[in-house]
Amino acid sequence: MKMNIVITDESGNTFGGEFNLSKIVQRVNKNTSKSNKKKIMKPSEAIMSLYKNKFFKQYQNLNQVSQALTEKGFNFEKGSITMSLKGAEYLIKSGSKRNYKFIQKYPAED
């Protein structure tokens, strides 16, 4: 695209010029492709990974679950872990308030 521009400064001097603009082609950076990005896990997904690794074959309390997640590199708040455990349809909750234990309802598929 060809452009002409004329500019007058505060002193009354006039400047002009002509230039060509060309379309910029966006290039995909291979370092930011989807295959190289790590997926961020939510607490519910991290708990599902513990379940798939047969972690809930025996009763586990909140501290044991939190410790297992920490060992895997996750640092979720205990409130988030508790809500995810309570919402997991594949786990049974037993015990009293602030002292729940969780165990699998059925074995995880391999």
Foldseek 3Di string as FASTA:
>chain_A
DKDKDWDADPVRDIDIDIDDDDDDDDDDDPCPDPVNDDDDDFLLVLVVVCQLVVVQQDKDWLVRVCVVVVVVPDHDDSVRNVVSQVPDPQWDWDDDPPTIIIHGPDHHDD
